[in-house]
């Protein structure tokens, strides 16, 4: 089964990286995070948004690797058939 990561965590430290952005650039960064999570491609960004997004991208990539490891572990455990029934 080919699962794709469909969400991302918006960490509070992202505020530090986006605090100086204009409202339009902030919206652009949030939309880029959604696009990058869904399609694993960087969209076209303004210079201001691209600089801020590079810091966020590192976290998104790290979270994706962690999610893939957990997904693989769960898949492996699920193929083992689950917990045996308790004796009566």
C-alpha atoms as a PDB file:
ATOM      1  CA  UNK A   1       0.000   0.000   0.000  1.00  0.00           C
ATOM      2  CA  UNK A   2       1.413   3.368  -1.001  1.00  0.00           C
ATOM      3  CA  UNK A   3       0.505   5.767   1.789  1.00  0.00           C
ATOM      4  CA  UNK A   4       1.300   9.458   1.645  1.00  0.00           C
ATOM      5  CA  UNK A   5       1.739  11.722   4.594  1.00  0.00           C
ATOM      6  CA  UNK A   6      -1.372  13.893   4.658  1.00  0.00           C
ATOM      7  CA  UNK A   7      -0.635  16.278   7.510  1.00  0.00           C
ATOM      8  CA  UNK A   8       2.131  18.171   9.251  1.00  0.00           C
ATOM      9  CA  UNK A   9       2.694  19.632  12.684  1.00  0.00           C
ATOM     10  CA  UNK A  10       2.747  23.406  12.936  1.00  0.00           C
ATOM     11  CA  UNK A  11       5.309  23.951  15.693  1.00  0.00           C
ATOM     12  CA  UNK A  12       5.243  27.124  17.771  1.00  0.00           C
ATOM     13  CA  UNK A  13       8.882  27.842  16.909  1.00  0.00           C
ATOM     14  CA  UNK A  14       7.705  28.430  13.329  1.00  0.00           C
ATOM     15  CA  UNK A  15       6.494  31.778  14.679  1.00  0.00           C
ATOM     16  CA  UNK A  16      10.109  32.835  15.217  1.00  0.00           C
ATOM     17  CA  UNK A  17      10.881  32.032  11.581  1.00  0.00           C
ATOM     18  CA  UNK A  18       7.820  33.778  10.168  1.00  0.00           C
ATOM     19  CA  UNK A  19       7.271  36.664  12.578  1.00  0.00           C
ATOM     20  CA  UNK A  20       8.860  39.295  10.349  1.00  0.00           C
ATOM     21  CA  UNK A  21       6.968  38.215   7.214  1.00  0.00           C
ATOM     22  CA  UNK A  22       4.177  40.198   5.655  1.00  0.00           C
ATOM     23  CA  UNK A  23       0.711  38.598   5.808  1.00  0.00           C
ATOM     24  CA  UNK A  24       0.948  37.620   2.140  1.00  0.00           C
ATOM     25  CA  UNK A  25       4.356  35.977   2.593  1.00  0.00           C
ATOM     26  CA  UNK A  26       3.131  34.151   5.719  1.00  0.00           C
ATOM     27  CA  UNK A  27       0.163  32.746   3.780  1.00  0.00           C
ATOM     28  CA  UNK A  28       2.571  31.744   1.032  1.00  0.00           C
ATOM     29  CA  UNK A  29       4.762  29.842   3.531  1.00  0.00           C
ATOM     30  CA  UNK A  30       1.786  27.997   5.048  1.00  0.00           C
ATOM     31  CA  UNK A  31       0.490  27.089   1.579  1.00  0.00           C
ATOM     32  CA  UNK A  32       3.999  25.931   0.621  1.00  0.00           C
ATOM     33  CA  UNK A  33       4.135  23.688   3.706  1.00  0.00           C
ATOM     34  CA  UNK A  34       0.819  22.103   2.691  1.00  0.00           C
ATOM     35  CA  UNK A  35       1.966  21.685  -0.912  1.00  0.00           C
ATOM     36  CA  UNK A  36       5.366  20.281   0.102  1.00  0.00           C
ATOM     37  CA  UNK A  37       3.769  17.780   2.499  1.00  0.00           C
ATOM     38  CA  UNK A  38       1.247  16.596  -0.111  1.00  0.00           C
ATOM     39  CA  UNK A  39       3.393  16.493  -3.258  1.00  0.00           C
ATOM     40  CA  UNK A  40       6.984  16.425  -1.900  1.00  0.00           C
ATOM     41  CA  UNK A  41       7.885  19.284  -4.256  1.00  0.00           C
ATOM     42  CA  UNK A  42       8.798  22.867  -3.560  1.00  0.00           C
ATOM     43  CA  UNK A  43       6.344  25.336  -5.101  1.00  0.00           C
ATOM     44  CA  UNK A  44       7.395  28.661  -6.571  1.00  0.00           C
ATOM     45  CA  UNK A  45       7.922  31.135  -3.719  1.00  0.00           C
ATOM     46  CA  UNK A  46       8.794  34.779  -3.403  1.00  0.00           C
ATOM     47  CA  UNK A  47      12.273  35.463  -2.065  1.00  0.00           C
ATOM     48  CA  UNK A  48      10.937  36.481   1.340  1.00  0.00           C
ATOM     49  CA  UNK A  49       8.818  33.328   1.692  1.00  0.00           C
ATOM     50  CA  UNK A  50      11.552  31.047   0.310  1.00  0.00           C
ATOM     51  CA  UNK A  51      14.024  32.162   2.965  1.00  0.00           C
ATOM     52  CA  UNK A  52      11.559  31.519   5.788  1.00  0.00           C
ATOM     53  CA  UNK A  53      10.408  28.221   4.289  1.00  0.00           C
ATOM     54  CA  UNK A  54      13.935  26.776   4.145  1.00  0.00           C
ATOM     55  CA  UNK A  55      14.015  26.690   7.954  1.00  0.00           C
ATOM     56  CA  UNK A  56      10.583  25.053   8.117  1.00  0.00           C
ATOM     57  CA  UNK A  57      11.460  22.539   5.384  1.00  0.00           C
ATOM     58  CA  UNK A  58      14.174  21.022   7.581  1.00  0.00           C
ATOM     59  CA  UNK A  59      11.574  20.232  10.249  1.00  0.00           C
ATOM     60  CA  UNK A  60       9.064  18.913   7.702  1.00  0.00           C
ATOM     61  CA  UNK A  61      11.718  16.586   6.258  1.00  0.00           C
ATOM     62  CA  UNK A  62      12.711  15.320   9.707  1.00  0.00           C
ATOM     63  CA  UNK A  63       9.065  14.690  10.608  1.00  0.00           C
ATOM     64  CA  UNK A  64       8.497  12.827   7.313  1.00  0.00           C
ATOM     65  CA  UNK A  65      11.429  10.472   8.013  1.00  0.00           C
ATOM     66  CA  UNK A  66      10.072   9.811  11.510  1.00  0.00           C
ATOM     67  CA  UNK A  67       6.554   9.201  10.135  1.00  0.00           C
ATOM     68  CA  UNK A  68       7.866   6.781   7.500  1.00  0.00           C
ATOM     69  CA  UNK A  69       9.771   4.804  10.162  1.00  0.00           C
ATOM     70  CA  UNK A  70       6.677   4.564  12.370  1.00  0.00           C
ATOM     71  CA  UNK A  71       4.513   3.568   9.394  1.00  0.00           C
ATOM     72  CA  UNK A  72       6.942   0.809   8.421  1.00  0.00           C
ATOM     73  CA  UNK A  73       7.140  -0.440  12.018  1.00  0.00           C
ATOM     74  CA  UNK A  74       3.339  -0.542  12.258  1.00  0.00           C
ATOM     75  CA  UNK A  75       3.089  -2.329   8.908  1.00  0.00           C
ATOM     76  CA  UNK A  76       5.598  -4.954  10.052  1.00  0.00           C
ATOM     77  CA  UNK A  77       3.847  -5.447  13.379  1.00  0.00           C
ATOM     78  CA  UNK A  78       0.448  -5.664  11.699  1.00  0.00           C
ATOM     79  CA  UNK A  79       1.641  -8.401   9.364  1.00  0.00           C
ATOM     80  CA  UNK A  80       2.493 -10.553  12.391  1.00  0.00           C
ATOM     81  CA  UNK A  81      -1.195 -11.128  13.052  1.00  0.00           C
ATOM     82  CA  UNK A  82      -1.708  -9.097  16.198  1.00  0.00           C
ATOM     83  CA  UNK A  83      -1.868 -10.126  19.799  1.00  0.00           C
ATOM     84  CA  UNK A  84      -2.769 -13.772  20.517  1.00  0.00           C
ATOM     85  CA  UNK A  85      -6.070 -14.319  22.337  1.00  0.00           C
ATOM     86  CA  UNK A  86      -5.993 -14.544  26.123  1.00  0.00           C
ATOM     87  CA  UNK A  87      -6.618 -17.970  27.600  1.00  0.00           C
ATOM     88  CA  UNK A  88      -9.986 -18.358  29.335  1.00  0.00           C
END
